[in-house]
Amino acid sequence: MHKINVLIDNKRYWVKEFPSLEKFTKIQMKKFFSEIKFLSSVKLELTILYTCGKRVKELNKKFRNKNTDTDVLSFPSMSKDFYKSKIKLKELYLGDIALSYDYIKKKSVNFNLYTREMMAHGFLHLIGYDHNNKKNHLIMIKKQLDLLTL
């Protein structure tokens, strides 16, 4: 039904942490998809790129004009406003998520958990959530925690 494209740039590092990274990703994302009721009748697709800090820094510079590595970048295919009305499409490409091995490894005590958190965080950005103010930040964090309890 849904399609999850998994690209692994920095395979030897990522696979060391997750021997079945592609399977892990698809299981997690399908759980996340199942929780988003307003998209339940839509065939969803997204791409997740597992890469290194250097590549994420390049993407961050190119698309956000920030010359720094970060844990996760999201590139939604639709605007936030798109998700405010009823979705009438049968299929929807949500967008792309890029995760930085180096940043996650450096910042996390539990690599697996932090990676899941960033997958959920990136996914929520793809479907219109944001943390641009305190109210939206609290809404997004609550939804992120809901996704992580699945």
C-alpha atoms as a PDB file:
ATOM      1  CA  MET A   1       0.000   0.000   0.000  1.00  0.00           C
ATOM      2  CA  HIS A   2       2.387   2.765   1.174  1.00  0.00           C
ATOM      3  CA  LYS A   3       5.845   3.176  -0.294  1.00  0.00           C
ATOM      4  CA  ILE A   4       8.912   3.981   1.768  1.00  0.00           C
ATOM      5  CA  ASN A   5      12.097   4.590  -0.197  1.00  0.00           C
ATOM      6  CA  VAL A   6      15.250   4.030   1.832  1.00  0.00           C
ATOM      7  CA  LEU A   7      18.577   5.422   0.628  1.00  0.00           C
ATOM      8  CA  ILE A   8      21.730   4.691   2.618  1.00  0.00           C
ATOM      9  CA  ASP A   9      24.706   6.897   1.760  1.00  0.00           C
ATOM     10  CA  ASN A  10      26.913   5.950   4.632  1.00  0.00           C
ATOM     11  CA  LYS A  11      26.100   2.268   4.794  1.00  0.00           C
ATOM     12  CA  ARG A  12      28.964   0.897   6.893  1.00  0.00           C
ATOM     13  CA  TYR A  13      28.159   3.204   9.811  1.00  0.00           C
ATOM     14  CA  TRP A  14      24.374   3.032   9.702  1.00  0.00           C
ATOM     15  CA  VAL A  15      24.253  -0.742   9.246  1.00  0.00           C
ATOM     16  CA  LYS A  16      26.603  -1.166  12.210  1.00  0.00           C
ATOM     17  CA  GLU A  17      23.887   0.445  14.372  1.00  0.00           C
ATOM     18  CA  PHE A  18      20.959  -1.127  12.503  1.00  0.00           C
ATOM     19  CA  PRO A  19      21.842  -4.371  10.683  1.00  0.00           C
ATOM     20  CA  SER A  20      18.354  -4.367   9.101  1.00  0.00           C
ATOM     21  CA  LEU A  21      18.048  -0.620   8.561  1.00  0.00           C
ATOM     22  CA  GLU A  22      15.664  -0.800   5.612  1.00  0.00           C
ATOM     23  CA  LYS A  23      13.325  -3.196   7.419  1.00  0.00           C
ATOM     24  CA  PHE A  24      13.518  -1.112  10.620  1.00  0.00           C
ATOM     25  CA  THR A  25      12.674   2.042   8.660  1.00  0.00           C
ATOM     26  CA  LYS A  26       9.680   0.523   6.901  1.00  0.00           C
ATOM     27  CA  ILE A  27       8.262  -0.884  10.137  1.00  0.00           C
ATOM     28  CA  GLN A  28       8.622   2.451  11.936  1.00  0.00           C
ATOM     29  CA  MET A  29       7.189   4.539   9.116  1.00  0.00           C
ATOM     30  CA  LYS A  30       4.198   2.221   8.629  1.00  0.00           C
ATOM     31  CA  LYS A  31       3.431   2.641  12.335  1.00  0.00           C
ATOM     32  CA  PHE A  32       3.645   6.412  11.948  1.00  0.00           C
ATOM     33  CA  PHE A  33       1.413   6.334   8.845  1.00  0.00           C
ATOM     34  CA  SER A  34      -1.227   4.322  10.713  1.00  0.00           C
ATOM     35  CA  GLU A  35      -1.544   7.009  13.388  1.00  0.00           C
ATOM     36  CA  ILE A  36      -2.322   9.864  11.006  1.00  0.00           C
ATOM     37  CA  LYS A  37      -6.073   9.449  10.626  1.00  0.00           C
ATOM     38  CA  PHE A  38      -6.624  12.285   8.142  1.00  0.00           C
ATOM     39  CA  LEU A  39      -4.359  10.435   5.682  1.00  0.00           C
ATOM     40  CA  SER A  40      -5.784   6.957   6.293  1.00  0.00           C
ATOM     41  CA  SER A  41      -7.387   6.630   2.857  1.00  0.00           C
ATOM     42  CA  VAL A  42      -4.378   7.972   0.939  1.00  0.00           C
ATOM     43  CA  LYS A  43      -1.545   5.859  -0.481  1.00  0.00           C
ATOM     44  CA  LEU A  44       1.527   7.571   0.931  1.00  0.00           C
ATOM     45  CA  GLU A  45       5.102   7.662  -0.258  1.00  0.00           C
ATOM     46  CA  LEU A  46       8.252   9.235   1.146  1.00  0.00           C
ATOM     47  CA  THR A  47      12.014   8.900   0.934  1.00  0.00           C
ATOM     48  CA  ILE A  48      14.447   8.667   3.830  1.00  0.00           C
ATOM     49  CA  LEU A  49      18.129   9.312   3.226  1.00  0.00           C
ATOM     50  CA  TYR A  50      20.537   7.965   5.829  1.00  0.00           C
ATOM     51  CA  THR A  51      23.751   9.870   5.346  1.00  0.00           C
ATOM     52  CA  CYS A  52      26.718  11.540   7.016  1.00  0.00           C
ATOM     53  CA  GLY A  53      27.117  14.924   8.658  1.00  0.00           C
ATOM     54  CA  LYS A  54      28.968  16.371   5.676  1.00  0.00           C
ATOM     55  CA  ARG A  55      26.069  15.603   3.318  1.00  0.00           C
ATOM     56  CA  VAL A  56      23.440  16.943   5.736  1.00  0.00           C
ATOM     57  CA  LYS A  57      25.534  20.106   6.164  1.00  0.00           C
ATOM     58  CA  GLU A  58      25.574  20.515   2.349  1.00  0.00           C
ATOM     59  CA  LEU A  59      21.793  20.044   2.156  1.00  0.00           C
ATOM     60  CA  ASN A  60      21.244  22.421   5.062  1.00  0.00           C
ATOM     61  CA  LYS A  61      23.395  25.074   3.378  1.00  0.00           C
ATOM     62  CA  LYS A  62      21.745  24.620  -0.011  1.00  0.00           C
ATOM     63  CA  PHE A  63      18.101  24.589   1.126  1.00  0.00           C
ATOM     64  CA  ARG A  64      18.091  26.459   4.455  1.00  0.00           C
ATOM     65  CA  ASN A  65      21.170  28.667   4.096  1.00  0.00           C
ATOM     66  CA  LYS A  66      22.584  27.216   7.333  1.00  0.00           C
ATOM     67  CA  ASN A  67      26.173  26.022   7.078  1.00  0.00           C
ATOM     68  CA  THR A  68      25.927  23.393   9.810  1.00  0.00           C
ATOM     69  CA  ASP A  69      25.160  19.737  10.371  1.00  0.00           C
ATOM     70  CA  THR A  70      21.888  18.850  12.087  1.00  0.00           C
ATOM     71  CA  ASP A  71      20.145  15.661  13.113  1.00  0.00           C
ATOM     72  CA  VAL A  72      17.260  15.695  10.638  1.00  0.00           C
ATOM     73  CA  LEU A  73      16.142  17.690   7.631  1.00  0.00           C
ATOM     74  CA  SER A  74      12.689  17.471   6.096  1.00  0.00           C
ATOM     75  CA  PHE A  75      11.668  18.507   2.621  1.00  0.00           C
ATOM     76  CA  PRO A  76       7.863  18.439   2.401  1.00  0.00           C
ATOM     77  CA  SER A  77       6.308  18.135  -1.027  1.00  0.00           C
ATOM     78  CA  MET A  78       3.253  20.146   0.055  1.00  0.00           C
ATOM     79  CA  SER A  79       2.800  23.361   2.013  1.00  0.00           C
ATOM     80  CA  LYS A  80       1.547  23.297   5.590  1.00  0.00           C
ATOM     81  CA  ASP A  81      -1.739  24.798   4.400  1.00  0.00           C
ATOM     82  CA  PHE A  82      -2.355  21.762   2.167  1.00  0.00           C
ATOM     83  CA  TYR A  83      -3.006  19.657   5.286  1.00  0.00           C
ATOM     84  CA  LYS A  84      -5.561  22.086   6.731  1.00  0.00           C
ATOM     85  CA  SER A  85      -8.268  20.952   4.318  1.00  0.00           C
ATOM     86  CA  LYS A  86      -9.647  17.535   3.455  1.00  0.00           C
ATOM     87  CA  ILE A  87      -7.208  15.507   1.364  1.00  0.00           C
ATOM     88  CA  LYS A  88      -8.953  14.273  -1.762  1.00  0.00           C
ATOM     89  CA  LEU A  89      -5.984  12.608  -3.425  1.00  0.00           C
ATOM     90  CA  LYS A  90      -5.650   8.848  -3.728  1.00  0.00           C
ATOM     91  CA  GLU A  91      -1.848   9.022  -3.688  1.00  0.00           C
ATOM     92  CA  LEU A  92       0.496  11.527  -2.082  1.00  0.00           C
ATOM     93  CA  TYR A  93       4.265  11.883  -2.113  1.00  0.00           C
ATOM     94  CA  LEU A  94       4.953  13.390   1.314  1.00  0.00           C
ATOM     95  CA  GLY A  95       8.559  14.427   0.691  1.00  0.00           C
ATOM     96  CA  ASP A  96      12.064  13.573   1.823  1.00  0.00           C
ATOM     97  CA  ILE A  97      13.820  13.168   5.161  1.00  0.00           C
ATOM     98  CA  ALA A  98      17.609  13.205   5.617  1.00  0.00           C
ATOM     99  CA  LEU A  99      19.216  11.878   8.803  1.00  0.00           C
ATOM    100  CA  SER A 100      22.816  12.600   9.842  1.00  0.00           C
ATOM    101  CA  TYR A 101      24.681   9.642  11.314  1.00  0.00           C
ATOM    102  CA  ASP A 102      27.417  11.871  12.710  1.00  0.00           C
ATOM    103  CA  TYR A 103      25.068  14.303  14.444  1.00  0.00           C
ATOM    104  CA  ILE A 104      22.876  11.582  15.921  1.00  0.00           C
ATOM    105  CA  LYS A 105      25.892   9.582  17.093  1.00  0.00           C
ATOM    106  CA  LYS A 106      27.447  12.665  18.701  1.00  0.00           C
ATOM    107  CA  LYS A 107      24.264  13.849  20.449  1.00  0.00           C
ATOM    108  CA  SER A 108      22.650  10.614  21.578  1.00  0.00           C
ATOM    109  CA  VAL A 109      23.019   8.293  24.506  1.00  0.00           C
ATOM    110  CA  ASN A 110      20.685   5.811  22.831  1.00  0.00           C
ATOM    111  CA  PHE A 111      21.322   5.867  19.072  1.00  0.00           C
ATOM    112  CA  ASN A 112      18.291   3.706  18.253  1.00  0.00           C
ATOM    113  CA  LEU A 113      15.850   5.837  20.235  1.00  0.00           C
ATOM    114  CA  TYR A 114      17.229   9.157  19.002  1.00  0.00           C
ATOM    115  CA  THR A 115      17.054   7.926  15.403  1.00  0.00           C
ATOM    116  CA  ARG A 116      13.400   6.942  15.917  1.00  0.00           C
ATOM    117  CA  GLU A 117      12.714  10.356  17.461  1.00  0.00           C
ATOM    118  CA  MET A 118      14.215  12.107  14.458  1.00  0.00           C
ATOM    119  CA  MET A 119      12.312   9.869  12.035  1.00  0.00           C
ATOM    120  CA  ALA A 120       9.077  10.859  13.788  1.00  0.00           C
ATOM    121  CA  HIS A 121      10.127  14.506  13.920  1.00  0.00           C
ATOM    122  CA  GLY A 122      10.977  14.578  10.211  1.00  0.00           C
ATOM    123  CA  PHE A 123       7.747  12.781   9.321  1.00  0.00           C
ATOM    124  CA  LEU A 124       5.669  15.318  11.248  1.00  0.00           C
ATOM    125  CA  HIS A 125       7.317  18.165   9.344  1.00  0.00           C
ATOM    126  CA  LEU A 126       6.343  16.430   6.086  1.00  0.00           C
ATOM    127  CA  ILE A 127       2.675  16.464   7.086  1.00  0.00           C
ATOM    128  CA  GLY A 128       2.498  20.100   8.126  1.00  0.00           C
ATOM    129  CA  TYR A 129       3.625  20.185  11.752  1.00  0.00           C
ATOM    130  CA  ASP A 130       6.103  22.847  12.814  1.00  0.00           C
ATOM    131  CA  HIS A 131       7.741  24.246  15.937  1.00  0.00           C
ATOM    132  CA  ASN A 132       7.919  27.884  14.869  1.00  0.00           C
ATOM    133  CA  ASN A 133       6.343  29.114  18.121  1.00  0.00           C
ATOM    134  CA  LYS A 134       5.744  27.767  21.635  1.00  0.00           C
ATOM    135  CA  LYS A 135       2.179  26.585  20.975  1.00  0.00           C
ATOM    136  CA  ASN A 136       3.106  24.714  17.784  1.00  0.00           C
ATOM    137  CA  HIS A 137       6.225  23.323  19.453  1.00  0.00           C
ATOM    138  CA  LEU A 138       4.137  21.780  22.249  1.00  0.00           C
ATOM    139  CA  ILE A 139       1.626  20.343  19.760  1.00  0.00           C
ATOM    140  CA  MET A 140       4.396  18.832  17.656  1.00  0.00           C
ATOM    141  CA  ILE A 141       6.297  17.374  20.611  1.00  0.00           C
ATOM    142  CA  LYS A 142       3.102  15.776  21.950  1.00  0.00           C
ATOM    143  CA  LYS A 143       2.392  14.202  18.557  1.00  0.00           C
ATOM    144  CA  GLN A 144       6.011  13.061  18.286  1.00  0.00           C
ATOM    145  CA  LEU A 145       5.744  11.363  21.683  1.00  0.00           C
ATOM    146  CA  ASP A 146       2.477   9.723  20.592  1.00  0.00           C
ATOM    147  CA  LEU A 147       4.228   8.287  17.538  1.00  0.00           C
ATOM    148  CA  LEU A 148       7.116   6.994  19.620  1.00  0.00           C
ATOM    149  CA  THR A 149       4.831   5.018  21.919  1.00  0.00           C
ATOM    150  CA  LEU A 150       3.600   2.846  19.031  1.00  0.00           C
END
